[in-house]
Each structure stands twice: as structure tokens, then as C-alpha cells.
């Protein structure tokens, strides 16, 4: 009973990490080996998953989408800064240090 309680955290850890343990062929030996399984490339039954779809022209598509939004964001911030300065809401003071 006590050994089962002590082994419970290990079972939970190995279950969450995708690590399976098995005992050697000897029934008197309590030595367990640890094998890592990669669930990203195989199903739980052991079948190999197909290759993921590759997006053609990924970098070009990202650039085509990103540049117009950066430009629009720049225009909005520039116009808002001009509006704030026009209404004297946020105007940096010109402190000339002639000392």
C-alpha cells in the first residue's frame, strides 16, 4: 500500500510527460526503464502522422499583410500627435539651456 502511494506521483509525472515505463523480463527485478515517446509525430496507437502542410510564400505573404498595417498605424499616430499638439494638450516645452 505504501509503495503504491509513493509511486503515484511518478506515474502522474510520466503520464504527463509522455514517458512510458516498463519492467524488464525478470520478475524478481524491480528495475524499470524509461522510454520517451514523441506524440507530435505519432498517434497514441503508434501510427506516424502525415507531414504538416507547408504554406507557400509564407514570408512574402507576411510582408504583404504587415507593411500596410504598419503604414496605417504610423499615419494614425502621426495625425493624433499633430492633433494633440494643435490643441496644446501635449506639447513638449522648448527648454534651452544657455548656462
PDB file of N, CA and C in Angstrom:
ATOM      1  N   UNK A   1       0.826  -1.189   0.000  1.00  0.00           N
ATOM      2  CA  UNK A   1       0.000   0.000   0.000  1.00  0.00           C
ATOM      3  C   UNK A   1       0.873   1.256   0.000  1.00  0.00           C
ATOM      4  N   UNK A   2       1.887   1.253   0.841  1.00  0.00           N
ATOM      5  CA  UNK A   2       2.762   2.420   0.937  1.00  0.00           C
ATOM      6  C   UNK A   2       3.556   2.618  -0.356  1.00  0.00           C
ATOM      7  N   UNK A   3       3.968   1.526  -0.985  1.00  0.00           N
ATOM      8  CA  UNK A   3       4.728   1.670  -2.221  1.00  0.00           C
ATOM      9  C   UNK A   3       3.856   2.210  -3.350  1.00  0.00           C
ATOM     10  N   UNK A   4       2.580   1.859  -3.361  1.00  0.00           N
ATOM     11  CA  UNK A   4       1.682   2.407  -4.381  1.00  0.00           C
ATOM     12  C   UNK A   4       1.487   3.899  -4.203  1.00  0.00           C
ATOM     13  N   UNK A   5       1.413   4.350  -2.972  1.00  0.00           N
ATOM     14  CA  UNK A   5       1.258   5.785  -2.700  1.00  0.00           C
ATOM     15  C   UNK A   5       2.518   6.534  -3.123  1.00  0.00           C
ATOM     16  N   UNK A   6       3.679   5.921  -2.888  1.00  0.00           N
ATOM     17  CA  UNK A   6       4.925   6.572  -3.276  1.00  0.00           C
ATOM     18  C   UNK A   6       5.121   6.586  -4.791  1.00  0.00           C
ATOM     19  N   UNK A   7       4.563   5.609  -5.494  1.00  0.00           N
ATOM     20  CA  UNK A   7       4.712   5.539  -6.944  1.00  0.00           C
ATOM     21  C   UNK A   7       3.706   6.412  -7.684  1.00  0.00           C
ATOM     22  N   UNK A   8       2.658   6.870  -7.017  1.00  0.00           N
ATOM     23  CA  UNK A   8       1.614   7.662  -7.674  1.00  0.00           C
ATOM     24  C   UNK A   8       2.151   8.947  -8.301  1.00  0.00           C
ATOM     25  N   UNK A   9       2.946   9.762  -7.593  1.00  0.00           N
ATOM     26  CA  UNK A   9       3.482  10.973  -8.258  1.00  0.00           C
ATOM     27  C   UNK A   9       4.330  10.651  -9.478  1.00  0.00           C
ATOM     28  N   UNK A  10       5.070   9.542  -9.421  1.00  0.00           N
ATOM     29  CA  UNK A  10       5.888   9.151 -10.565  1.00  0.00           C
ATOM     30  C   UNK A  10       5.013   8.779 -11.751  1.00  0.00           C
ATOM     31  N   UNK A  11       3.932   8.082 -11.508  1.00  0.00           N
ATOM     32  CA  UNK A  11       3.028   7.711 -12.591  1.00  0.00           C
ATOM     33  C   UNK A  11       2.382   8.939 -13.218  1.00  0.00           C
ATOM     34  N   UNK A  12       1.984   9.874 -12.380  1.00  0.00           N
ATOM     35  CA  UNK A  12       1.379  11.104 -12.903  1.00  0.00           C
ATOM     36  C   UNK A  12       2.393  11.879 -13.720  1.00  0.00           C
ATOM     37  N   UNK A  13       3.633  11.970 -13.228  1.00  0.00           N
ATOM     38  CA  UNK A  13       4.680  12.697 -13.937  1.00  0.00           C
ATOM     39  C   UNK A  13       4.969  12.052 -15.289  1.00  0.00           C
ATOM     40  N   UNK A  14       5.125  10.739 -15.295  1.00  0.00           N
ATOM     41  CA  UNK A  14       5.458  10.073 -16.549  1.00  0.00           C
ATOM     42  C   UNK A  14       4.286  10.105 -17.512  1.00  0.00           C
ATOM     43  N   UNK A  15       3.077  10.126 -17.021  1.00  0.00           N
ATOM     44  CA  UNK A  15       1.905  10.194 -17.893  1.00  0.00           C
ATOM     45  C   UNK A  15       1.826  11.563 -18.563  1.00  0.00           C
ATOM     46  N   UNK A  16       2.099  12.623 -17.799  1.00  0.00           N
ATOM     47  CA  UNK A  16       2.020  13.973 -18.344  1.00  0.00           C
ATOM     48  C   UNK A  16       3.170  14.280 -19.295  1.00  0.00           C
ATOM     49  N   UNK A  17       4.315  13.672 -19.088  1.00  0.00           N
ATOM     50  CA  UNK A  17       5.481  13.962 -19.909  1.00  0.00           C
ATOM     51  C   UNK A  17       5.564  13.077 -21.140  1.00  0.00           C
ATOM     52  N   UNK A  18       4.644  12.168 -21.316  1.00  0.00           N
ATOM     53  CA  UNK A  18       4.681  11.292 -22.467  1.00  0.00           C
ATOM     54  C   UNK A  18       5.757  10.225 -22.351  1.00  0.00           C
ATOM     55  N   UNK A  19       6.114   9.862 -21.129  1.00  0.00           N
ATOM     56  CA  UNK A  19       7.148   8.871 -20.892  1.00  0.00           C
ATOM     57  C   UNK A  19       6.472   7.605 -20.381  1.00  0.00           C
ATOM     58  N   UNK A  20       6.802   6.506 -20.976  1.00  0.00           N
ATOM     59  CA  UNK A  20       6.245   5.243 -20.516  1.00  0.00           C
ATOM     60  C   UNK A  20       7.340   4.420 -19.884  1.00  0.00           C
ATOM     61  N   UNK A  21       6.995   3.661 -18.874  1.00  0.00           N
ATOM     62  CA  UNK A  21       7.983   2.803 -18.236  1.00  0.00           C
ATOM     63  C   UNK A  21       7.517   1.368 -18.338  1.00  0.00           C
ATOM     64  N   UNK A  22       8.459   0.476 -18.409  1.00  0.00           N
ATOM     65  CA  UNK A  22       8.136  -0.934 -18.451  1.00  0.00           C
ATOM     66  C   UNK A  22       9.188  -1.687 -17.673  1.00  0.00           C
ATOM     67  N   UNK A  23       8.822  -2.848 -17.213  1.00  0.00           N
ATOM     68  CA  UNK A  23       9.754  -3.652 -16.428  1.00  0.00           C
ATOM     69  C   UNK A  23      10.503  -4.600 -17.338  1.00  0.00           C
ATOM     70  N   UNK A  24      11.663  -5.014 -16.886  1.00  0.00           N
ATOM     71  CA  UNK A  24      12.460  -5.954 -17.659  1.00  0.00           C
ATOM     72  C   UNK A  24      11.832  -7.337 -17.575  1.00  0.00           C
ATOM     73  N   UNK A  25      12.381  -8.271 -18.312  1.00  0.00           N
ATOM     74  CA  UNK A  25      11.812  -9.605 -18.377  1.00  0.00           C
ATOM     75  C   UNK A  25      11.857 -10.355 -17.059  1.00  0.00           C
ATOM     76  N   UNK A  26      12.755 -10.024 -16.180  1.00  0.00           N
ATOM     77  CA  UNK A  26      12.882 -10.727 -14.914  1.00  0.00           C
ATOM     78  C   UNK A  26      11.782 -10.294 -13.960  1.00  0.00           C
ATOM     79  N   UNK A  27      11.100 -11.271 -13.336  1.00  0.00           N
ATOM     80  CA  UNK A  27      10.023 -10.945 -12.412  1.00  0.00           C
ATOM     81  C   UNK A  27      10.555 -10.522 -11.058  1.00  0.00           C
ATOM     82  N   UNK A  28      11.765 -10.905 -10.705  1.00  0.00           N
ATOM     83  CA  UNK A  28      12.320 -10.555  -9.404  1.00  0.00           C
ATOM     84  C   UNK A  28      12.951  -9.169  -9.417  1.00  0.00           C
ATOM     85  N   UNK A  29      13.225  -8.629 -10.575  1.00  0.00           N
ATOM     86  CA  UNK A  29      13.877  -7.334 -10.675  1.00  0.00           C
ATOM     87  C   UNK A  29      12.829  -6.215 -10.666  1.00  0.00           C
ATOM     88  N   UNK A  30      13.058  -5.194  -9.872  1.00  0.00           N
ATOM     89  CA  UNK A  30      12.165  -4.043  -9.821  1.00  0.00           C
ATOM     90  C   UNK A  30      12.733  -2.858 -10.597  1.00  0.00           C
ATOM     91  N   UNK A  31      13.699  -3.114 -11.460  1.00  0.00           N
ATOM     92  CA  UNK A  31      14.321  -2.046 -12.242  1.00  0.00           C
ATOM     93  C   UNK A  31      13.394  -1.700 -13.401  1.00  0.00           C
ATOM     94  N   UNK A  32      13.107  -0.421 -13.558  1.00  0.00           N
ATOM     95  CA  UNK A  32      12.258  -0.009 -14.677  1.00  0.00           C
ATOM     96  C   UNK A  32      13.073   0.867 -15.616  1.00  0.00           C
ATOM     97  N   UNK A  33      12.780   0.778 -16.873  1.00  0.00           N
ATOM     98  CA  UNK A  33      13.447   1.594 -17.880  1.00  0.00           C
ATOM     99  C   UNK A  33      12.469   2.644 -18.363  1.00  0.00           C
ATOM    100  N   UNK A  34      13.000   3.738 -18.809  1.00  0.00           N
ATOM    101  CA  UNK A  34      12.157   4.846 -19.249  1.00  0.00           C
ATOM    102  C   UNK A  34      12.396   5.075 -20.730  1.00  0.00           C
ATOM    103  N   UNK A  35      11.322   5.094 -21.511  1.00  0.00           N
ATOM    104  CA  UNK A  35      11.399   5.410 -22.932  1.00  0.00           C
ATOM    105  C   UNK A  35      10.602   6.672 -23.185  1.00  0.00           C
ATOM    106  N   UNK A  36      11.162   7.586 -23.955  1.00  0.00           N
ATOM    107  CA  UNK A  36      10.443   8.794 -24.303  1.00  0.00           C
ATOM    108  C   UNK A  36       9.675   8.567 -25.590  1.00  0.00           C
ATOM    109  N   UNK A  37       8.453   9.026 -25.619  1.00  0.00           N
ATOM    110  CA  UNK A  37       7.646   8.936 -26.827  1.00  0.00           C
ATOM    111  C   UNK A  37       7.325  10.336 -27.297  1.00  0.00           C
ATOM    112  N   UNK A  38       7.352  10.538 -28.601  1.00  0.00           N
ATOM    113  CA  UNK A  38       7.038  11.843 -29.178  1.00  0.00           C
ATOM    114  C   UNK A  38       5.643  11.768 -29.763  1.00  0.00           C
ATOM    115  N   UNK A  39       4.687  12.396 -29.093  1.00  0.00           N
ATOM    116  CA  UNK A  39       3.311  12.350 -29.571  1.00  0.00           C
ATOM    117  C   UNK A  39       3.082  13.318 -30.723  1.00  0.00           C
ATOM    118  N   UNK A  40       4.053  14.158 -31.014  1.00  0.00           N
ATOM    119  CA  UNK A  40       3.887  15.117 -32.107  1.00  0.00           C
ATOM    120  C   UNK A  40       4.011  14.443 -33.467  1.00  0.00           C
ATOM    121  N   UNK A  41       4.677  13.329 -33.548  1.00  0.00           N
ATOM    122  CA  UNK A  41       4.882  12.668 -34.835  1.00  0.00           C
ATOM    123  C   UNK A  41       4.128  11.354 -34.959  1.00  0.00           C
ATOM    124  N   UNK A  42       3.504  10.921 -33.862  1.00  0.00           N
ATOM    125  CA  UNK A  42       2.777   9.650 -33.931  1.00  0.00           C
ATOM    126  C   UNK A  42       1.494   9.742 -33.132  1.00  0.00           C
ATOM    127  N   UNK A  43       0.557   8.886 -33.472  1.00  0.00           N
ATOM    128  CA  UNK A  43      -0.705   8.802 -32.749  1.00  0.00           C
ATOM    129  C   UNK A  43      -0.502   7.917 -31.528  1.00  0.00           C
ATOM    130  N   UNK A  44      -1.450   7.906 -30.600  1.00  0.00           N
ATOM    131  CA  UNK A  44      -1.303   7.029 -29.429  1.00  0.00           C
ATOM    132  C   UNK A  44      -1.177   5.549 -29.801  1.00  0.00           C
ATOM    133  N   UNK A  45      -1.724   5.153 -30.942  1.00  0.00           N
ATOM    134  CA  UNK A  45      -1.609   3.756 -31.351  1.00  0.00           C
ATOM    135  C   UNK A  45      -0.252   3.445 -31.980  1.00  0.00           C
ATOM    136  N   UNK A  46       0.535   4.473 -32.299  1.00  0.00           N
ATOM    137  CA  UNK A  46       1.868   4.271 -32.853  1.00  0.00           C
ATOM    138  C   UNK A  46       1.985   4.599 -34.324  1.00  0.00           C
ATOM    139  N   UNK A  47       0.890   4.981 -34.984  1.00  0.00           N
ATOM    140  CA  UNK A  47       0.949   5.318 -36.406  1.00  0.00           C
ATOM    141  C   UNK A  47       1.649   6.657 -36.595  1.00  0.00           C
ATOM    142  N   UNK A  48       2.411   6.770 -37.667  1.00  0.00           N
ATOM    143  CA  UNK A  48       3.123   8.009 -37.967  1.00  0.00           C
ATOM    144  C   UNK A  48       2.170   8.971 -38.647  1.00  0.00           C
ATOM    145  N   UNK A  49       2.148  10.207 -38.140  1.00  0.00           N
ATOM    146  CA  UNK A  49       1.276  11.234 -38.707  1.00  0.00           C
ATOM    147  C   UNK A  49       1.846  11.734 -40.028  1.00  0.00           C
ATOM    148  N   UNK A  50       0.981  12.233 -40.929  1.00  0.00           N
ATOM    149  CA  UNK A  50       1.496  12.791 -42.182  1.00  0.00           C
ATOM    150  C   UNK A  50       2.225  14.104 -41.927  1.00  0.00           C
ATOM    151  N   UNK A  51       3.030  14.507 -42.890  1.00  0.00           N
ATOM    152  CA  UNK A  51       3.765  15.763 -42.760  1.00  0.00           C
ATOM    153  C   UNK A  51       2.780  16.924 -42.691  1.00  0.00           C
ATOM    154  N   UNK A  52       3.095  17.960 -41.915  1.00  0.00           N
ATOM    155  CA  UNK A  52       2.200  19.122 -41.850  1.00  0.00           C
ATOM    156  C   UNK A  52       2.198  19.884 -43.166  1.00  0.00           C
ATOM    157  N   UNK A  53       1.098  20.595 -43.419  1.00  0.00           N
ATOM    158  CA  UNK A  53       1.000  21.393 -44.637  1.00  0.00           C
ATOM    159  C   UNK A  53       1.966  22.556 -44.575  1.00  0.00           C
ATOM    160  N   UNK A  54       2.663  22.791 -45.666  1.00  0.00           N
ATOM    161  CA  UNK A  54       3.604  23.895 -45.738  1.00  0.00           C
ATOM    162  C   UNK A  54       2.945  25.028 -46.509  1.00  0.00           C
ATOM    163  N   UNK A  55       2.983  26.218 -45.931  1.00  0.00           N
ATOM    164  CA  UNK A  55       2.400  27.375 -46.582  1.00  0.00           C
ATOM    165  C   UNK A  55       3.396  27.940 -47.576  1.00  0.00           C
ATOM    166  N   UNK A  56       3.050  27.943 -48.867  1.00  0.00           N
ATOM    167  CA  UNK A  56       3.979  28.508 -49.838  1.00  0.00           C
ATOM    168  C   UNK A  56       4.013  30.034 -49.731  1.00  0.00           C
ATOM    169  N   UNK A  57       5.149  30.608 -49.984  1.00  0.00           N
ATOM    170  CA  UNK A  57       5.349  32.062 -49.948  1.00  0.00           C
ATOM    171  C   UNK A  57       4.986  32.641 -48.580  1.00  0.00           C
ATOM    172  N   UNK A  58       5.335  31.964 -47.507  1.00  0.00           N
ATOM    173  CA  UNK A  58       4.979  32.410 -46.159  1.00  0.00           C
ATOM    174  C   UNK A  58       5.572  33.765 -45.813  1.00  0.00           C
ATOM    175  N   UNK A  59       6.840  33.969 -46.115  1.00  0.00           N
ATOM    176  CA  UNK A  59       7.493  35.233 -45.776  1.00  0.00           C
ATOM    177  C   UNK A  59       6.949  36.371 -46.629  1.00  0.00           C
ATOM    178  N   UNK A  60       6.673  36.103 -47.888  1.00  0.00           N
ATOM    179  CA  UNK A  60       6.129  37.138 -48.770  1.00  0.00           C
ATOM    180  C   UNK A  60       4.722  37.513 -48.327  1.00  0.00           C
ATOM    181  N   UNK A  61       3.910  36.528 -47.998  1.00  0.00           N
ATOM    182  CA  UNK A  61       2.547  36.815 -47.520  1.00  0.00           C
ATOM    183  C   UNK A  61       2.581  37.625 -46.235  1.00  0.00           C
ATOM    184  N   UNK A  62       3.471  37.271 -45.320  1.00  0.00           N
ATOM    185  CA  UNK A  62       3.569  38.012 -44.067  1.00  0.00           C
ATOM    186  C   UNK A  62       3.954  39.464 -44.331  1.00  0.00           C
ATOM    187  N   UNK A  63       4.873  39.695 -45.250  1.00  0.00           N
ATOM    188  CA  UNK A  63       5.302  41.049 -45.575  1.00  0.00           C
ATOM    189  C   UNK A  63       4.174  41.844 -46.224  1.00  0.00           C
ATOM    190  N   UNK A  64       3.430  41.202 -47.128  1.00  0.00           N
ATOM    191  CA  UNK A  64       2.334  41.891 -47.815  1.00  0.00           C
ATOM    192  C   UNK A  64       1.233  42.290 -46.832  1.00  0.00           C
ATOM    193  N   UNK A  65       1.014  41.503 -45.803  1.00  0.00           N
ATOM    194  CA  UNK A  65      -0.005  41.828 -44.810  1.00  0.00           C
ATOM    195  C   UNK A  65       0.527  42.834 -43.794  1.00  0.00           C
ATOM    196  N   UNK A  66       1.766  42.692 -43.382  1.00  0.00           N
ATOM    197  CA  UNK A  66       2.305  43.506 -42.304  1.00  0.00           C
ATOM    198  C   UNK A  66       2.575  44.951 -42.717  1.00  0.00           C
ATOM    199  N   UNK A  67       3.124  45.175 -43.881  1.00  0.00           N
ATOM    200  CA  UNK A  67       3.526  46.529 -44.274  1.00  0.00           C
ATOM    201  C   UNK A  67       2.358  47.513 -44.358  1.00  0.00           C
ATOM    202  N   UNK A  68       1.222  47.181 -44.976  1.00  0.00           N
ATOM    203  CA  UNK A  68       0.126  48.157 -44.984  1.00  0.00           C
ATOM    204  C   UNK A  68      -0.395  48.506 -43.594  1.00  0.00           C
ATOM    205  N   UNK A  69      -0.458  47.524 -42.694  1.00  0.00           N
ATOM    206  CA  UNK A  69      -0.936  47.818 -41.349  1.00  0.00           C
ATOM    207  C   UNK A  69       0.063  48.662 -40.566  1.00  0.00           C
ATOM    208  N   UNK A  70       1.357  48.447 -40.772  1.00  0.00           N
ATOM    209  CA  UNK A  70       2.347  49.315 -40.144  1.00  0.00           C
ATOM    210  C   UNK A  70       2.240  50.735 -40.673  1.00  0.00           C
ATOM    211  N   UNK A  71       2.020  50.876 -41.970  1.00  0.00           N
ATOM    212  CA  UNK A  71       1.896  52.199 -42.567  1.00  0.00           C
ATOM    213  C   UNK A  71       0.655  52.920 -42.044  1.00  0.00           C
ATOM    214  N   UNK A  72      -0.469  52.226 -41.978  1.00  0.00           N
ATOM    215  CA  UNK A  72      -1.706  52.837 -41.474  1.00  0.00           C
ATOM    216  C   UNK A  72      -1.535  53.220 -40.004  1.00  0.00           C
ATOM    217  N   UNK A  73      -0.906  52.360 -39.207  1.00  0.00           N
ATOM    218  CA  UNK A  73      -0.663  52.682 -37.799  1.00  0.00           C
ATOM    219  C   UNK A  73       0.237  53.895 -37.640  1.00  0.00           C
ATOM    220  N   UNK A  74       1.230  54.025 -38.508  1.00  0.00           N
ATOM    221  CA  UNK A  74       2.112  55.187 -38.467  1.00  0.00           C
ATOM    222  C   UNK A  74       1.352  56.459 -38.810  1.00  0.00           C
ATOM    223  N   UNK A  75       0.494  56.408 -39.824  1.00  0.00           N
ATOM    224  CA  UNK A  75      -0.305  57.578 -40.186  1.00  0.00           C
ATOM    225  C   UNK A  75      -1.253  57.994 -39.064  1.00  0.00           C
ATOM    226  N   UNK A  76      -1.900  57.024 -38.436  1.00  0.00           N
ATOM    227  CA  UNK A  76      -2.820  57.341 -37.339  1.00  0.00           C
ATOM    228  C   UNK A  76      -2.071  57.986 -36.189  1.00  0.00           C
ATOM    229  N   UNK A  77      -0.935  57.445 -35.796  1.00  0.00           N
ATOM    230  CA  UNK A  77      -0.196  58.027 -34.670  1.00  0.00           C
ATOM    231  C   UNK A  77       0.356  59.402 -35.011  1.00  0.00           C
ATOM    232  N   UNK A  78       0.779  59.610 -36.252  1.00  0.00           N
ATOM    233  CA  UNK A  78       1.293  60.922 -36.657  1.00  0.00           C
ATOM    234  C   UNK A  78       0.185  61.968 -36.627  1.00  0.00           C
ATOM    235  N   UNK A  79      -0.989  61.608 -37.147  1.00  0.00           N
ATOM    236  CA  UNK A  79      -2.106  62.555 -37.147  1.00  0.00           C
ATOM    237  C   UNK A  79      -2.604  62.834 -35.735  1.00  0.00           C
ATOM    238  N   UNK A  80      -2.613  61.823 -34.863  1.00  0.00           N
ATOM    239  CA  UNK A  80      -3.058  62.042 -33.495  1.00  0.00           C
ATOM    240  C   UNK A  80      -2.068  62.911 -32.733  1.00  0.00           C
ATOM    241  N   UNK A  81      -0.772  62.734 -32.970  1.00  0.00           N
ATOM    242  CA  UNK A  81       0.233  63.582 -32.327  1.00  0.00           C
ATOM    243  C   UNK A  81       0.092  65.028 -32.792  1.00  0.00           C
ATOM    244  N   UNK A  82      -0.207  65.249 -34.086  1.00  0.00           N
ATOM    245  CA  UNK A  82      -0.419  66.613 -34.591  1.00  0.00           C
ATOM    246  C   UNK A  82      -1.674  67.230 -33.970  1.00  0.00           C
ATOM    247  N   UNK A  83      -2.721  66.426 -33.783  1.00  0.00           N
ATOM    248  CA  UNK A  83      -3.949  66.918 -33.154  1.00  0.00           C
ATOM    249  C   UNK A  83      -3.705  67.320 -31.708  1.00  0.00           C
ATOM    250  N   UNK A  84      -2.951  66.526 -30.971  1.00  0.00           N
ATOM    251  CA  UNK A  84      -2.642  66.864 -29.588  1.00  0.00           C
ATOM    252  C   UNK A  84      -1.810  68.141 -29.503  1.00  0.00           C
ATOM    253  N   UNK A  85      -0.869  68.280 -30.418  1.00  0.00           N
ATOM    254  CA  UNK A  85      -0.040  69.486 -30.393  1.00  0.00           C
ATOM    255  C   UNK A  85      -0.842  70.717 -30.801  1.00  0.00           C
ATOM    256  N   UNK A  86      -1.775  70.556 -31.721  1.00  0.00           N
ATOM    257  CA  UNK A  86      -2.613  71.676 -32.166  1.00  0.00           C
ATOM    258  C   UNK A  86      -3.496  72.204 -31.039  1.00  0.00           C
ATOM    259  N   UNK A  87      -4.006  71.339 -30.213  1.00  0.00           N
ATOM    260  CA  UNK A  87      -4.883  71.747 -29.117  1.00  0.00           C
ATOM    261  C   UNK A  87      -4.124  71.961 -27.817  1.00  0.00           C
ATOM    262  N   UNK A  88      -2.824  72.006 -27.880  1.00  0.00           N
ATOM    263  CA  UNK A  88      -1.952  72.227 -26.726  1.00  0.00           C
ATOM    264  C   UNK A  88      -2.236  71.265 -25.575  1.00  0.00           C
ATOM    265  N   UNK A  89      -2.560  70.053 -25.902  1.00  0.00           N
ATOM    266  CA  UNK A  89      -2.802  69.039 -24.871  1.00  0.00           C
ATOM    267  C   UNK A  89      -1.478  68.445 -24.424  1.00  0.00           C
ATOM    268  N   UNK A  90      -0.655  68.135 -25.354  1.00  0.00           N
ATOM    269  CA  UNK A  90       0.657  67.601 -25.023  1.00  0.00           C
ATOM    270  C   UNK A  90       1.654  68.251 -25.954  1.00  0.00           C
ATOM    271  N   UNK A  91       2.320  69.271 -25.442  1.00  0.00           N
ATOM    272  CA  UNK A  91       3.312  69.977 -26.239  1.00  0.00           C
ATOM    273  C   UNK A  91       4.613  69.977 -25.447  1.00  0.00           C
ATOM    274  N   UNK A  92       5.668  69.435 -25.994  1.00  0.00           N
ATOM    275  CA  UNK A  92       6.940  69.467 -25.277  1.00  0.00           C
ATOM    276  C   UNK A  92       7.457  70.909 -25.195  1.00  0.00           C
ATOM    277  N   UNK A  93       7.978  71.267 -24.037  1.00  0.00           N
ATOM    278  CA  UNK A  93       8.482  72.617 -23.845  1.00  0.00           C
ATOM    279  C   UNK A  93       9.876  72.739 -24.405  1.00  0.00           C
ATOM    280  N   UNK A  94      10.166  73.907 -24.951  1.00  0.00           N
ATOM    281  CA  UNK A  94      11.482  74.170 -25.511  1.00  0.00           C
ATOM    282  C   UNK A  94      12.352  74.800 -24.434  1.00  0.00           C
ATOM    283  N   UNK A  95      13.059  73.979 -23.722  1.00  0.00           N
ATOM    284  CA  UNK A  95      13.971  74.475 -22.697  1.00  0.00           C
ATOM    285  C   UNK A  95      15.363  74.551 -23.283  1.00  0.00           C
ATOM    286  N   UNK A  96      15.790  75.763 -23.500  1.00  0.00           N
ATOM    287  CA  UNK A  96      17.159  75.964 -24.000  1.00  0.00           C
ATOM    288  C   UNK A  96      18.054  76.232 -22.816  1.00  0.00           C
ATOM    289  N   UNK A  97      19.035  75.411 -22.671  1.00  0.00           N
ATOM    290  CA  UNK A  97      19.988  75.581 -21.574  1.00  0.00           C
ATOM    291  C   UNK A  97      21.161  76.402 -22.104  1.00  0.00           C
ATOM    292  N   UNK A  98      21.143  77.678 -21.787  1.00  0.00           N
ATOM    293  CA  UNK A  98      22.207  78.578 -22.231  1.00  0.00           C
ATOM    294  C   UNK A  98      23.225  78.819 -21.121  1.00  0.00           C
ATOM    295  N   UNK A  99      23.206  78.017 -20.104  1.00  0.00           N
ATOM    296  CA  UNK A  99      24.109  78.237 -18.974  1.00  0.00           C
ATOM    297  C   UNK A  99      25.517  77.935 -19.309  1.00  0.00           C
TER     298      UNK A  99
END
